[in-house]
Amino acid sequence: MVLRFRHDVSRAALAAAAVLLATPAGAAIFRCTAADGSVSYQEMECGAAEKSRVMELPAQYPSADPAERQRLFDREAALDRRLEAQRERDSREAVARAMQPPEQPIPASADEGYPLYWGGAPLFQRPHPHPHTPKNPRPRVNPLQRG
């Protein structure tokens, strides 16, 4: 029973392959334009309401130019080498950045000055407190503390 089923399946597959191979390779392609202007391409003739035209498709294409093909391959290989070199540089920079110690913040103290450049020469000035900030607007008092 199982052998008969496999035999029937193989016959059906062989018949389907024969039908597919029987269709001509150079079958006509129809360009169909509907009344609303939409265009479709199909292997069957268009309906009566559609305008149809048989497309002229070449059966053979010109051979590739081997010199131009090699030039394109060489150009692509050069691009790949440049991209790989850039990727390698980026990787080395990332490793170098990861190996550096983290930057320590520079403490800002009142007695340190900051450079002011005038005519290309640095002049050092002391930082000034913000002019709109009062020194001590009111004393801080804890309302829960009785004194």
Protein backbone atom coordinates (compact mmCIF):
# COMPACT_ATOMS: atom_id res chain seq x y z
CA MET A 1 0.00 0.00 0.00
CA VAL A 2 2.79 2.41 0.94
CA LEU A 3 4.74 1.53 -2.18
CA ARG A 4 1.70 2.20 -4.36
CA PHE A 5 1.19 5.64 -2.72
CA ARG A 6 4.84 6.60 -3.34
CA HIS A 7 4.54 5.39 -6.94
CA ASP A 8 1.41 7.54 -7.50
CA VAL A 9 3.10 10.60 -5.95
CA SER A 10 6.16 10.19 -8.15
CA ARG A 11 3.92 9.87 -11.23
CA ALA A 12 2.11 13.10 -10.29
CA ALA A 13 5.41 14.92 -9.77
CA LEU A 14 6.67 13.67 -13.14
CA ALA A 15 3.47 14.82 -14.86
CA ALA A 16 3.71 18.28 -13.26
CA ALA A 17 7.34 18.63 -14.36
CA ALA A 18 6.40 17.64 -17.91
CA VAL A 19 3.67 20.28 -18.04
CA LEU A 20 6.02 22.96 -16.77
CA LEU A 21 8.74 22.01 -19.24
CA ALA A 22 6.26 21.92 -22.13
CA THR A 23 5.53 25.65 -21.92
CA PRO A 24 7.68 27.58 -24.37
CA ALA A 25 10.58 29.53 -22.86
CA GLY A 26 9.97 32.49 -25.16
CA ALA A 27 6.27 32.85 -24.37
CA ALA A 28 4.73 36.19 -25.27
CA ILE A 29 4.31 38.82 -22.60
CA PHE A 30 1.25 41.05 -22.91
CA ARG A 31 1.09 44.62 -21.64
CA CYS A 32 -2.51 45.31 -20.63
CA THR A 33 -3.83 48.82 -19.97
CA ALA A 34 -7.15 48.99 -18.13
CA ALA A 35 -9.77 51.74 -18.58
CA ASP A 36 -8.56 53.51 -15.42
CA GLY A 37 -4.98 53.64 -16.77
CA SER A 38 -3.46 50.90 -14.63
CA VAL A 39 -0.90 48.72 -16.42
CA SER A 40 -0.26 45.02 -15.87
CA TYR A 41 2.07 42.52 -17.55
CA GLN A 42 0.91 38.94 -17.98
CA GLU A 43 1.42 35.80 -20.05
CA MET A 44 -2.25 35.51 -21.07
CA GLU A 45 -4.02 37.80 -23.49
CA CYS A 46 -5.81 40.79 -22.03
CA GLY A 47 -9.56 40.96 -21.55
CA ALA A 48 -11.86 42.59 -24.09
CA ALA A 49 -12.19 45.81 -22.04
CA GLU A 50 -8.42 46.29 -21.87
CA LYS A 51 -6.01 47.60 -24.46
CA SER A 52 -3.24 45.08 -25.11
CA ARG A 53 0.19 45.08 -26.70
CA VAL A 54 2.66 42.23 -27.15
CA MET A 55 6.04 43.08 -25.62
CA GLU A 56 9.15 42.42 -27.69
CA LEU A 57 11.62 40.78 -25.31
CA PRO A 58 15.10 39.83 -26.48
CA ALA A 59 15.85 36.12 -26.46
CA GLN A 60 19.60 36.64 -25.93
CA TYR A 61 21.52 39.33 -24.15
CA PRO A 62 24.97 40.67 -25.06
CA SER A 63 27.89 39.01 -23.33
CA ALA A 64 29.59 40.76 -20.46
CA ASP A 65 32.74 42.77 -21.14
CA PRO A 66 35.49 40.91 -19.21
CA ALA A 67 37.73 44.00 -18.88
CA GLU A 68 34.89 46.11 -17.43
CA ARG A 69 33.86 43.24 -15.16
CA GLN A 70 37.41 42.92 -13.81
CA ARG A 71 37.63 46.70 -13.34
CA LEU A 72 34.44 46.65 -11.25
CA PHE A 73 35.70 43.71 -9.18
CA ASP A 74 39.02 45.51 -8.55
CA ARG A 75 37.18 48.68 -7.55
CA GLU A 76 34.98 46.75 -5.14
CA ALA A 77 38.03 44.99 -3.65
CA ALA A 78 39.75 48.35 -3.11
CA LEU A 79 36.63 49.68 -1.38
CA ASP A 80 36.52 46.60 0.85
CA ARG A 81 40.18 47.12 1.80
CA ARG A 82 39.53 50.79 2.68
CA LEU A 83 36.49 49.88 4.77
CA GLU A 84 38.40 47.14 6.59
CA ALA A 85 41.29 49.54 7.30
CA GLN A 86 38.84 52.15 8.67
CA ARG A 87 37.17 49.48 10.83
CA GLU A 88 40.61 48.44 12.16
CA ARG A 89 41.52 52.08 12.98
CA ASP A 90 38.20 52.60 14.76
CA SER A 91 38.73 49.41 16.75
CA ARG A 92 42.25 50.44 17.81
CA GLU A 93 41.00 53.89 18.85
CA ALA A 94 38.18 52.35 20.90
CA VAL A 95 40.64 50.03 22.67
CA ALA A 96 43.03 52.94 23.34
CA ARG A 97 40.17 55.03 24.76
CA ALA A 98 39.06 52.14 26.98
CA MET A 99 42.61 51.66 28.30
CA GLN A 100 43.01 55.30 29.38
CA PRO A 101 42.21 56.17 32.98
CA PRO A 102 39.03 58.17 33.45
CA GLU A 103 39.40 61.94 33.51
CA GLN A 104 39.49 63.45 36.96
CA PRO A 105 37.35 66.55 37.38
CA ILE A 106 39.31 69.72 38.07
CA PRO A 107 38.30 71.06 41.49
CA ALA A 108 37.20 74.67 41.37
CA SER A 109 38.37 76.61 44.39
CA ALA A 110 38.00 80.30 45.08
CA ASP A 111 41.75 81.00 45.19
CA GLU A 112 42.48 79.52 41.76
CA GLY A 113 42.41 81.79 38.76
CA TYR A 114 41.39 81.12 35.24
CA PRO A 115 43.26 82.40 32.20
CA LEU A 116 41.94 85.30 30.20
CA TYR A 117 43.62 85.66 26.84
CA TRP A 118 44.30 89.17 25.63
CA GLY A 119 46.27 89.62 22.43
CA GLY A 120 47.56 86.06 22.55
CA ALA A 121 49.05 86.33 26.06
CA PRO A 122 47.22 84.84 29.04
CA LEU A 123 46.22 87.16 31.87
CA PHE A 124 45.21 85.39 35.05
CA GLN A 125 42.23 86.64 36.97
CA ARG A 126 40.55 85.49 40.12
CA PRO A 127 36.97 84.29 39.78
CA HIS A 128 34.37 86.70 41.06
CA PRO A 129 31.28 85.62 42.98
CA HIS A 130 28.02 85.99 41.13
CA PRO A 131 26.90 89.62 41.63
CA HIS A 132 23.22 88.74 42.10
CA THR A 133 23.79 86.21 44.88
CA PRO A 134 23.58 87.79 48.36
CA LYS A 135 26.20 86.67 50.88
CA ASN A 136 23.77 85.55 53.60
CA PRO A 137 20.16 86.53 52.91
CA ARG A 138 18.87 85.30 56.27
CA PRO A 139 20.17 83.00 58.93
CA ARG A 140 19.04 79.41 58.74
CA VAL A 141 16.85 78.58 61.71
CA ASN A 142 15.45 75.17 62.46
CA PRO A 143 11.79 75.74 63.47
CA LEU A 144 11.76 72.49 65.47
CA GLN A 145 14.69 73.50 67.58
CA ARG A 146 13.88 75.71 70.58
CA GLY A 147 16.58 77.80 71.83
